[in-house]
Amino acid sequence: MDNEKTIEALNSLVVINNDRVEGYKTAEAEAKETDLKMLFSDLMETSVQNKKELSAEITRLGGTPDDGTKLSGKIYRVWMDLKAVLTGDDRKAILDSCEYGEKVALDLYKKVLIEDHQNINESQQEMLNRHHALLTTDYANIVHLRDLVVADSDREF
């Protein structure tokens, strides 16, 4: 097992969790509806907890947890779009943006679990699988809410 590769893989997940925290912090501040504010707060908390665990493991391995984001890059461009959407008060568009961001996070966890498995020990793999399960639940909640919005708008016609 290569410690540097392990730290690099775990730090990529710290960054995606940092992105989620910053994105949902923006979303929570901009949202007008209480249920969305609560949702964004819950989603943010998932990443705060994930980041704590990842950072502790990186530190244990002798590395330094990344405190940056990729918000300036294309991976999480959705958060910039989300702020504009939120001011327009379009629940479906808001939830579509969240769904995109969640998919990016899930894909990165899956990539690390598959492509970096030789550098991830059993306890780290268990932690990443637990995080992936939490993110999957968050993703499912967003999709469910978005589908309810679509169903409600279909009934209006």
N, C-alpha and C. Protein backbone atom coordinates (compact mmCIF):
# COMPACT_ATOMS: atom_id res chain seq x y z
N MET A 1 0.83 -1.18 0.00
CA MET A 1 0.00 0.00 0.00
C MET A 1 0.89 1.25 0.00
N ASP A 2 0.55 2.21 -0.83
CA ASP A 2 1.32 3.45 -0.96
C ASP A 2 0.61 4.55 -0.19
N ASN A 3 1.21 4.99 0.94
CA ASN A 3 0.61 6.00 1.80
C ASN A 3 0.28 7.29 1.04
N GLU A 4 1.19 7.72 0.18
CA GLU A 4 0.97 8.97 -0.57
C GLU A 4 -0.25 8.85 -1.48
N LYS A 5 -0.39 7.71 -2.12
CA LYS A 5 -1.55 7.50 -3.00
C LYS A 5 -2.84 7.43 -2.19
N THR A 6 -2.75 6.82 -1.01
CA THR A 6 -3.92 6.76 -0.13
C THR A 6 -4.33 8.16 0.28
N ILE A 7 -3.36 8.96 0.71
CA ILE A 7 -3.63 10.34 1.13
C ILE A 7 -4.22 11.14 -0.03
N GLU A 8 -3.66 10.97 -1.20
CA GLU A 8 -4.16 11.68 -2.40
C GLU A 8 -5.62 11.30 -2.69
N ALA A 9 -5.91 10.01 -2.63
CA ALA A 9 -7.28 9.54 -2.89
C ALA A 9 -8.25 10.09 -1.85
N LEU A 10 -7.86 10.00 -0.57
CA LEU A 10 -8.73 10.50 0.49
C LEU A 10 -8.90 12.01 0.40
N ASN A 11 -7.84 12.72 0.02
CA ASN A 11 -7.94 14.17 -0.12
C ASN A 11 -8.88 14.57 -1.26
N SER A 12 -8.96 13.76 -2.30
CA SER A 12 -9.90 14.08 -3.38
C SER A 12 -11.33 14.03 -2.84
N LEU A 13 -11.57 13.15 -1.88
CA LEU A 13 -12.89 13.06 -1.26
C LEU A 13 -13.12 14.20 -0.27
N VAL A 14 -12.06 14.64 0.39
CA VAL A 14 -12.18 15.81 1.26
C VAL A 14 -12.61 17.01 0.42
N VAL A 15 -11.99 17.18 -0.74
CA VAL A 15 -12.31 18.31 -1.61
C VAL A 15 -13.76 18.25 -2.08
N ILE A 16 -14.25 17.09 -2.46
CA ILE A 16 -15.64 17.00 -2.93
C ILE A 16 -16.59 17.29 -1.78
N ASN A 17 -16.23 16.87 -0.57
CA ASN A 17 -17.06 17.21 0.60
C ASN A 17 -16.97 18.70 0.91
N ASN A 18 -15.79 19.30 0.75
CA ASN A 18 -15.68 20.76 0.90
C ASN A 18 -16.59 21.46 -0.10
N ASP A 19 -16.61 20.96 -1.33
CA ASP A 19 -17.49 21.53 -2.37
C ASP A 19 -18.95 21.45 -1.95
N ARG A 20 -19.35 20.29 -1.43
CA ARG A 20 -20.74 20.13 -0.99
C ARG A 20 -21.06 21.11 0.13
N VAL A 21 -20.15 21.23 1.10
CA VAL A 21 -20.39 22.15 2.22
C VAL A 21 -20.56 23.57 1.69
N GLU A 22 -19.65 24.02 0.85
CA GLU A 22 -19.74 25.39 0.33
C GLU A 22 -20.97 25.57 -0.55
N GLY A 23 -21.26 24.58 -1.36
CA GLY A 23 -22.43 24.66 -2.22
C GLY A 23 -23.72 24.73 -1.45
N TYR A 24 -23.86 23.87 -0.47
CA TYR A 24 -25.10 23.86 0.31
C TYR A 24 -25.18 25.04 1.27
N LYS A 25 -24.04 25.58 1.68
CA LYS A 25 -24.04 26.80 2.48
C LYS A 25 -24.61 27.95 1.64
N THR A 26 -24.17 28.03 0.38
CA THR A 26 -24.70 29.03 -0.55
C THR A 26 -26.19 28.80 -0.76
N ALA A 27 -26.55 27.56 -1.01
CA ALA A 27 -27.95 27.22 -1.27
C ALA A 27 -28.83 27.55 -0.07
N GLU A 28 -28.36 27.23 1.13
CA GLU A 28 -29.14 27.50 2.34
C GLU A 28 -29.34 29.00 2.53
N ALA A 29 -28.30 29.77 2.25
CA ALA A 29 -28.40 31.23 2.42
C ALA A 29 -29.36 31.85 1.40
N GLU A 30 -29.43 31.28 0.23
CA GLU A 30 -30.25 31.84 -0.84
C GLU A 30 -31.69 31.32 -0.86
N ALA A 31 -31.90 30.14 -0.30
CA ALA A 31 -33.23 29.52 -0.35
C ALA A 31 -34.25 30.36 0.43
N LYS A 32 -35.45 30.40 -0.09
CA LYS A 32 -36.52 31.16 0.55
C LYS A 32 -37.43 30.25 1.36
N GLU A 33 -37.53 29.00 0.98
CA GLU A 33 -38.46 28.08 1.62
C GLU A 33 -37.77 27.32 2.75
N THR A 34 -38.45 27.21 3.87
CA THR A 34 -37.90 26.58 5.06
C THR A 34 -37.52 25.13 4.82
N ASP A 35 -38.33 24.38 4.08
CA ASP A 35 -38.01 22.97 3.87
C ASP A 35 -36.71 22.81 3.08
N LEU A 36 -36.47 23.71 2.11
CA LEU A 36 -35.21 23.63 1.36
C LEU A 36 -34.04 24.04 2.24
N LYS A 37 -34.22 25.05 3.08
CA LYS A 37 -33.15 25.46 3.99
C LYS A 37 -32.77 24.28 4.90
N MET A 38 -33.76 23.57 5.41
CA MET A 38 -33.50 22.42 6.28
C MET A 38 -32.81 21.30 5.49
N LEU A 39 -33.27 21.04 4.27
CA LEU A 39 -32.65 20.02 3.43
C LEU A 39 -31.18 20.35 3.20
N PHE A 40 -30.90 21.60 2.80
CA PHE A 40 -29.52 21.98 2.52
C PHE A 40 -28.65 21.89 3.76
N SER A 41 -29.20 22.22 4.91
CA SER A 41 -28.47 22.11 6.17
C SER A 41 -28.12 20.65 6.46
N ASP A 42 -29.08 19.75 6.25
CA ASP A 42 -28.85 18.32 6.46
C ASP A 42 -27.79 17.78 5.50
N LEU A 43 -27.88 18.18 4.23
CA LEU A 43 -26.92 17.72 3.23
C LEU A 43 -25.51 18.23 3.55
N MET A 44 -25.45 19.47 4.00
CA MET A 44 -24.17 20.05 4.40
C MET A 44 -23.58 19.26 5.57
N GLU A 45 -24.41 18.90 6.53
CA GLU A 45 -23.94 18.18 7.71
C GLU A 45 -23.36 16.82 7.34
N THR A 46 -23.94 16.15 6.35
CA THR A 46 -23.37 14.88 5.89
C THR A 46 -21.91 15.07 5.51
N SER A 47 -21.64 16.12 4.73
CA SER A 47 -20.27 16.35 4.28
C SER A 47 -19.35 16.83 5.39
N VAL A 48 -19.88 17.59 6.34
CA VAL A 48 -19.06 18.02 7.48
C VAL A 48 -18.57 16.78 8.22
N GLN A 49 -19.46 15.84 8.46
CA GLN A 49 -19.07 14.61 9.17
C GLN A 49 -18.12 13.76 8.34
N ASN A 50 -18.41 13.62 7.03
CA ASN A 50 -17.52 12.85 6.16
C ASN A 50 -16.12 13.45 6.16
N LYS A 51 -16.06 14.77 6.05
CA LYS A 51 -14.78 15.46 6.01
C LYS A 51 -14.01 15.23 7.31
N LYS A 52 -14.67 15.26 8.45
CA LYS A 52 -14.00 15.03 9.74
C LYS A 52 -13.33 13.66 9.76
N GLU A 53 -14.07 12.65 9.32
CA GLU A 53 -13.52 11.29 9.31
C GLU A 53 -12.36 11.16 8.33
N LEU A 54 -12.53 11.71 7.13
CA LEU A 54 -11.47 11.64 6.13
C LEU A 54 -10.22 12.39 6.61
N SER A 55 -10.42 13.57 7.19
CA SER A 55 -9.30 14.37 7.67
C SER A 55 -8.54 13.66 8.78
N ALA A 56 -9.27 13.02 9.67
CA ALA A 56 -8.63 12.28 10.76
C ALA A 56 -7.77 11.15 10.20
N GLU A 57 -8.27 10.47 9.19
CA GLU A 57 -7.52 9.36 8.60
C GLU A 57 -6.29 9.88 7.86
N ILE A 58 -6.43 10.98 7.13
CA ILE A 58 -5.30 11.56 6.41
C ILE A 58 -4.22 11.98 7.41
N THR A 59 -4.61 12.61 8.50
CA THR A 59 -3.67 13.03 9.54
C THR A 59 -2.99 11.82 10.16
N ARG A 60 -3.75 10.78 10.42
CA ARG A 60 -3.19 9.54 10.98
C ARG A 60 -2.12 8.96 10.06
N LEU A 61 -2.32 9.12 8.75
CA LEU A 61 -1.36 8.60 7.76
C LEU A 61 -0.16 9.53 7.57
N GLY A 62 -0.17 10.68 8.25
CA GLY A 62 0.96 11.61 8.14
C GLY A 62 0.76 12.69 7.08
N GLY A 63 -0.45 12.79 6.54
CA GLY A 63 -0.72 13.79 5.53
C GLY A 63 -1.42 15.00 6.09
N THR A 64 -1.69 15.95 5.21
CA THR A 64 -2.40 17.17 5.57
C THR A 64 -3.70 17.21 4.79
N PRO A 65 -4.82 17.27 5.49
CA PRO A 65 -6.11 17.34 4.79
C PRO A 65 -6.21 18.60 3.94
N ASP A 66 -6.73 18.44 2.75
CA ASP A 66 -6.92 19.57 1.82
C ASP A 66 -8.07 20.42 2.33
N ASP A 67 -7.88 21.72 2.35
CA ASP A 67 -8.97 22.59 2.79
C ASP A 67 -9.58 23.37 1.63
N GLY A 68 -9.19 23.01 0.41
CA GLY A 68 -9.68 23.72 -0.76
C GLY A 68 -10.94 23.11 -1.35
N THR A 69 -11.41 23.75 -2.41
CA THR A 69 -12.56 23.27 -3.16
C THR A 69 -12.20 23.29 -4.64
N LYS A 70 -13.07 22.74 -5.43
CA LYS A 70 -12.92 22.80 -6.88
C LYS A 70 -14.00 23.68 -7.47
N LEU A 71 -14.55 24.57 -6.65
CA LEU A 71 -15.65 25.42 -7.11
C LEU A 71 -15.26 26.23 -8.33
N SER A 72 -14.00 26.54 -8.49
CA SER A 72 -13.60 27.33 -9.65
C SER A 72 -13.52 26.46 -10.91
N GLY A 73 -13.51 25.16 -10.74
CA GLY A 73 -13.42 24.25 -11.88
C GLY A 73 -14.78 23.80 -12.36
N LYS A 74 -14.76 23.01 -13.43
CA LYS A 74 -16.02 22.59 -14.03
C LYS A 74 -16.74 21.50 -13.24
N ILE A 75 -16.01 20.77 -12.37
CA ILE A 75 -16.64 19.66 -11.65
C ILE A 75 -17.85 20.13 -10.86
N TYR A 76 -17.73 21.24 -10.17
CA TYR A 76 -18.84 21.68 -9.34
C TYR A 76 -19.38 23.03 -9.76
N ARG A 77 -19.37 23.27 -11.06
CA ARG A 77 -19.91 24.52 -11.61
C ARG A 77 -21.38 24.69 -11.24
N VAL A 78 -22.01 23.59 -10.89
CA VAL A 78 -23.43 23.61 -10.54
C VAL A 78 -23.73 24.61 -9.43
N TRP A 79 -22.79 24.80 -8.49
CA TRP A 79 -23.08 25.68 -7.36
C TRP A 79 -23.20 27.13 -7.79
N MET A 80 -22.46 27.50 -8.82
CA MET A 80 -22.60 28.85 -9.34
C MET A 80 -23.97 29.01 -10.00
N ASP A 81 -24.38 27.98 -10.74
CA ASP A 81 -25.69 27.99 -11.38
C ASP A 81 -26.79 27.97 -10.33
N LEU A 82 -26.55 27.26 -9.24
CA LEU A 82 -27.56 27.10 -8.21
C LEU A 82 -27.95 28.43 -7.59
N LYS A 83 -26.98 29.29 -7.33
CA LYS A 83 -27.28 30.59 -6.73
C LYS A 83 -28.24 31.37 -7.63
N ALA A 84 -27.98 31.36 -8.93
CA ALA A 84 -28.85 32.06 -9.87
C ALA A 84 -30.24 31.43 -9.89
N VAL A 85 -30.28 30.11 -9.85
CA VAL A 85 -31.56 29.40 -9.86
C VAL A 85 -32.37 29.71 -8.61
N LEU A 86 -31.69 29.73 -7.46
CA LEU A 86 -32.38 29.96 -6.20
C LEU A 86 -33.08 31.31 -6.16
N THR A 87 -32.46 32.28 -6.75
CA THR A 87 -33.08 33.60 -6.74
C THR A 87 -34.32 33.61 -7.63
N GLY A 88 -34.42 32.64 -8.52
CA GLY A 88 -35.60 32.53 -9.38
C GLY A 88 -36.71 31.70 -8.75
N ASP A 89 -36.46 31.07 -7.63
CA ASP A 89 -37.45 30.32 -6.87
C ASP A 89 -38.10 29.20 -7.67
N ASP A 90 -37.31 28.43 -8.42
CA ASP A 90 -37.80 27.31 -9.21
C ASP A 90 -37.34 26.02 -8.54
N ARG A 91 -38.24 25.40 -7.76
CA ARG A 91 -37.88 24.21 -6.97
C ARG A 91 -37.30 23.09 -7.83
N LYS A 92 -37.89 22.85 -8.98
CA LYS A 92 -37.39 21.76 -9.83
C LYS A 92 -35.96 22.06 -10.28
N ALA A 93 -35.70 23.27 -10.70
CA ALA A 93 -34.35 23.63 -11.15
C ALA A 93 -33.35 23.54 -10.00
N ILE A 94 -33.77 23.97 -8.82
CA ILE A 94 -32.91 23.88 -7.64
C ILE A 94 -32.55 22.43 -7.36
N LEU A 95 -33.56 21.57 -7.36
CA LEU A 95 -33.33 20.16 -7.06
C LEU A 95 -32.58 19.46 -8.18
N ASP A 96 -32.79 19.88 -9.43
CA ASP A 96 -32.00 19.34 -10.54
C ASP A 96 -30.52 19.66 -10.35
N SER A 97 -30.23 20.89 -9.92
CA SER A 97 -28.84 21.29 -9.68
C SER A 97 -28.23 20.47 -8.54
N CYS A 98 -29.01 20.28 -7.49
CA CYS A 98 -28.53 19.47 -6.37
C CYS A 98 -28.29 18.03 -6.81
N GLU A 99 -29.18 17.50 -7.62
CA GLU A 99 -29.03 16.13 -8.10
C GLU A 99 -27.72 15.98 -8.87
N TYR A 100 -27.42 16.95 -9.72
CA TYR A 100 -26.18 16.92 -10.49
C TYR A 100 -24.97 16.88 -9.54
N GLY A 101 -24.96 17.76 -8.56
CA GLY A 101 -23.85 17.82 -7.60
C GLY A 101 -23.70 16.53 -6.82
N GLU A 102 -24.82 15.95 -6.42
CA GLU A 102 -24.77 14.69 -5.67
C GLU A 102 -24.21 13.57 -6.54
N LYS A 103 -24.58 13.56 -7.80
CA LYS A 103 -24.10 12.54 -8.73
C LYS A 103 -22.57 12.64 -8.88
N VAL A 104 -22.06 13.87 -8.97
CA VAL A 104 -20.61 14.07 -9.06
C VAL A 104 -19.92 13.49 -7.82
N ALA A 105 -20.46 13.77 -6.64
CA ALA A 105 -19.87 13.27 -5.40
C ALA A 105 -19.91 11.74 -5.36
N LEU A 106 -21.05 11.16 -5.70
CA LEU A 106 -21.17 9.70 -5.70
C LEU A 106 -20.20 9.06 -6.68
N ASP A 107 -20.08 9.65 -7.85
CA ASP A 107 -19.17 9.10 -8.87
C ASP A 107 -17.72 9.13 -8.39
N LEU A 108 -17.34 10.20 -7.69
CA LEU A 108 -15.96 10.27 -7.20
C LEU A 108 -15.72 9.22 -6.12
N TYR A 109 -16.66 9.04 -5.21
CA TYR A 109 -16.51 7.99 -4.19
C TYR A 109 -16.38 6.62 -4.86
N LYS A 110 -17.22 6.37 -5.84
CA LYS A 110 -17.18 5.09 -6.53
C LYS A 110 -15.83 4.90 -7.23
N LYS A 111 -15.35 5.97 -7.86
CA LYS A 111 -14.06 5.91 -8.55
C LYS A 111 -12.94 5.56 -7.57
N VAL A 112 -12.91 6.23 -6.42
CA VAL A 112 -11.87 5.95 -5.43
C VAL A 112 -11.99 4.51 -4.93
N LEU A 113 -13.21 4.07 -4.64
CA LEU A 113 -13.40 2.70 -4.15
C LEU A 113 -12.95 1.65 -5.16
N ILE A 114 -13.13 1.95 -6.44
CA ILE A 114 -12.78 0.97 -7.48
C ILE A 114 -11.32 1.12 -7.92
N GLU A 115 -10.94 2.33 -8.33
CA GLU A 115 -9.62 2.52 -8.93
C GLU A 115 -8.49 2.58 -7.91
N ASP A 116 -8.79 2.98 -6.70
CA ASP A 116 -7.75 3.10 -5.67
C ASP A 116 -7.84 2.02 -4.61
N HIS A 117 -8.58 0.95 -4.90
CA HIS A 117 -8.79 -0.09 -3.88
C HIS A 117 -7.49 -0.69 -3.35
N GLN A 118 -6.45 -0.76 -4.20
CA GLN A 118 -5.19 -1.33 -3.75
C GLN A 118 -4.47 -0.43 -2.74
N ASN A 119 -4.87 0.84 -2.66
CA ASN A 119 -4.25 1.77 -1.72
C ASN A 119 -5.14 2.09 -0.52
N ILE A 120 -6.28 1.42 -0.44
CA ILE A 120 -7.24 1.66 0.64
C ILE A 120 -7.35 0.39 1.48
N ASN A 121 -7.06 0.51 2.77
CA ASN A 121 -7.16 -0.69 3.62
C ASN A 121 -8.64 -0.97 3.96
N GLU A 122 -8.85 -2.06 4.67
CA GLU A 122 -10.22 -2.51 4.96
C GLU A 122 -11.02 -1.49 5.77
N SER A 123 -10.43 -0.91 6.79
CA SER A 123 -11.17 0.06 7.61
C SER A 123 -11.46 1.33 6.82
N GLN A 124 -10.53 1.75 5.97
CA GLN A 124 -10.77 2.91 5.11
C GLN A 124 -11.89 2.62 4.11
N GLN A 125 -11.87 1.41 3.57
CA GLN A 125 -12.91 1.01 2.63
C GLN A 125 -14.28 1.01 3.30
N GLU A 126 -14.34 0.52 4.53
CA GLU A 126 -15.60 0.54 5.29
C GLU A 126 -16.09 1.98 5.48
N MET A 127 -15.16 2.89 5.82
CA MET A 127 -15.52 4.29 6.01
C MET A 127 -16.06 4.88 4.69
N LEU A 128 -15.37 4.61 3.59
CA LEU A 128 -15.80 5.15 2.30
C LEU A 128 -17.13 4.55 1.86
N ASN A 129 -17.33 3.28 2.12
CA ASN A 129 -18.63 2.66 1.81
C ASN A 129 -19.74 3.28 2.64
N ARG A 130 -19.46 3.58 3.90
CA ARG A 130 -20.46 4.24 4.76
C ARG A 130 -20.78 5.64 4.25
N HIS A 131 -19.74 6.39 3.86
CA HIS A 131 -19.96 7.72 3.28
C HIS A 131 -20.78 7.62 2.00
N HIS A 132 -20.43 6.66 1.15
CA HIS A 132 -21.15 6.48 -0.11
C HIS A 132 -22.62 6.18 0.16
N ALA A 133 -22.88 5.37 1.17
CA ALA A 133 -24.27 5.05 1.52
C ALA A 133 -25.02 6.31 1.98
N LEU A 134 -24.37 7.16 2.77
CA LEU A 134 -25.00 8.41 3.21
C LEU A 134 -25.28 9.33 2.03
N LEU A 135 -24.32 9.43 1.13
CA LEU A 135 -24.51 10.27 -0.06
C LEU A 135 -25.59 9.70 -0.98
N THR A 136 -25.68 8.38 -1.04
CA THR A 136 -26.73 7.74 -1.83
C THR A 136 -28.10 8.08 -1.27
N THR A 137 -28.20 8.09 0.06
CA THR A 137 -29.47 8.47 0.70
C THR A 137 -29.79 9.94 0.41
N ASP A 138 -28.79 10.81 0.50
CA ASP A 138 -29.00 12.23 0.18
C ASP A 138 -29.47 12.38 -1.26
N TYR A 139 -28.82 11.67 -2.16
CA TYR A 139 -29.18 11.71 -3.58
C TYR A 139 -30.63 11.25 -3.78
N ALA A 140 -30.98 10.16 -3.14
CA ALA A 140 -32.35 9.62 -3.26
C ALA A 140 -33.37 10.62 -2.72
N ASN A 141 -33.06 11.30 -1.63
CA ASN A 141 -33.98 12.30 -1.08
C ASN A 141 -34.19 13.46 -2.06
N ILE A 142 -33.13 13.89 -2.68
CA ILE A 142 -33.24 14.98 -3.66
C ILE A 142 -34.08 14.54 -4.86
N VAL A 143 -33.80 13.36 -5.37
CA VAL A 143 -34.55 12.85 -6.52
C VAL A 143 -36.03 12.71 -6.16
N HIS A 144 -36.30 12.21 -4.97
CA HIS A 144 -37.69 12.05 -4.52
C HIS A 144 -38.40 13.40 -4.46
N LEU A 145 -37.76 14.38 -3.86
CA LEU A 145 -38.37 15.72 -3.78
C LEU A 145 -38.58 16.31 -5.16
N ARG A 146 -37.60 16.16 -6.04
CA ARG A 146 -37.72 16.67 -7.40
C ARG A 146 -38.88 15.98 -8.13
N ASP A 147 -39.01 14.68 -7.95
CA ASP A 147 -40.09 13.93 -8.59
C ASP A 147 -41.46 14.38 -8.07
N LEU A 148 -41.53 14.72 -6.78
CA LEU A 148 -42.78 15.24 -6.22
C LEU A 148 -43.14 16.58 -6.86
N VAL A 149 -42.15 17.42 -7.08
CA VAL A 149 -42.38 18.72 -7.73
C VAL A 149 -42.90 18.50 -9.14
N VAL A 150 -42.30 17.57 -9.86
CA VAL A 150 -42.73 17.26 -11.24
C VAL A 150 -44.16 16.73 -11.23
N ALA A 151 -44.44 15.83 -10.30
CA ALA A 151 -45.80 15.25 -10.21
C ALA A 151 -46.81 16.34 -9.90
N ASP A 152 -46.47 17.23 -8.98
CA ASP A 152 -47.39 18.34 -8.63
C ASP A 152 -47.63 19.25 -9.83
N SER A 153 -46.58 19.52 -10.59
CA SER A 153 -46.76 20.42 -11.74
C SER A 153 -47.55 19.73 -12.85
N ASP A 154 -47.43 18.40 -12.97
CA ASP A 154 -48.21 17.66 -13.96
C ASP A 154 -49.69 17.68 -13.61
N ARG A 155 -50.02 17.68 -12.32
CA ARG A 155 -51.41 17.70 -11.89
C ARG A 155 -52.07 19.06 -12.14
N GLU A 156 -51.25 20.09 -12.22
CA GLU A 156 -51.80 21.44 -12.42
C GLU A 156 -52.32 21.65 -13.82
N PHE A 157 -51.89 20.80 -14.74
CA PHE A 157 -52.33 20.98 -16.14
C PHE A 157 -53.57 20.23 -16.42
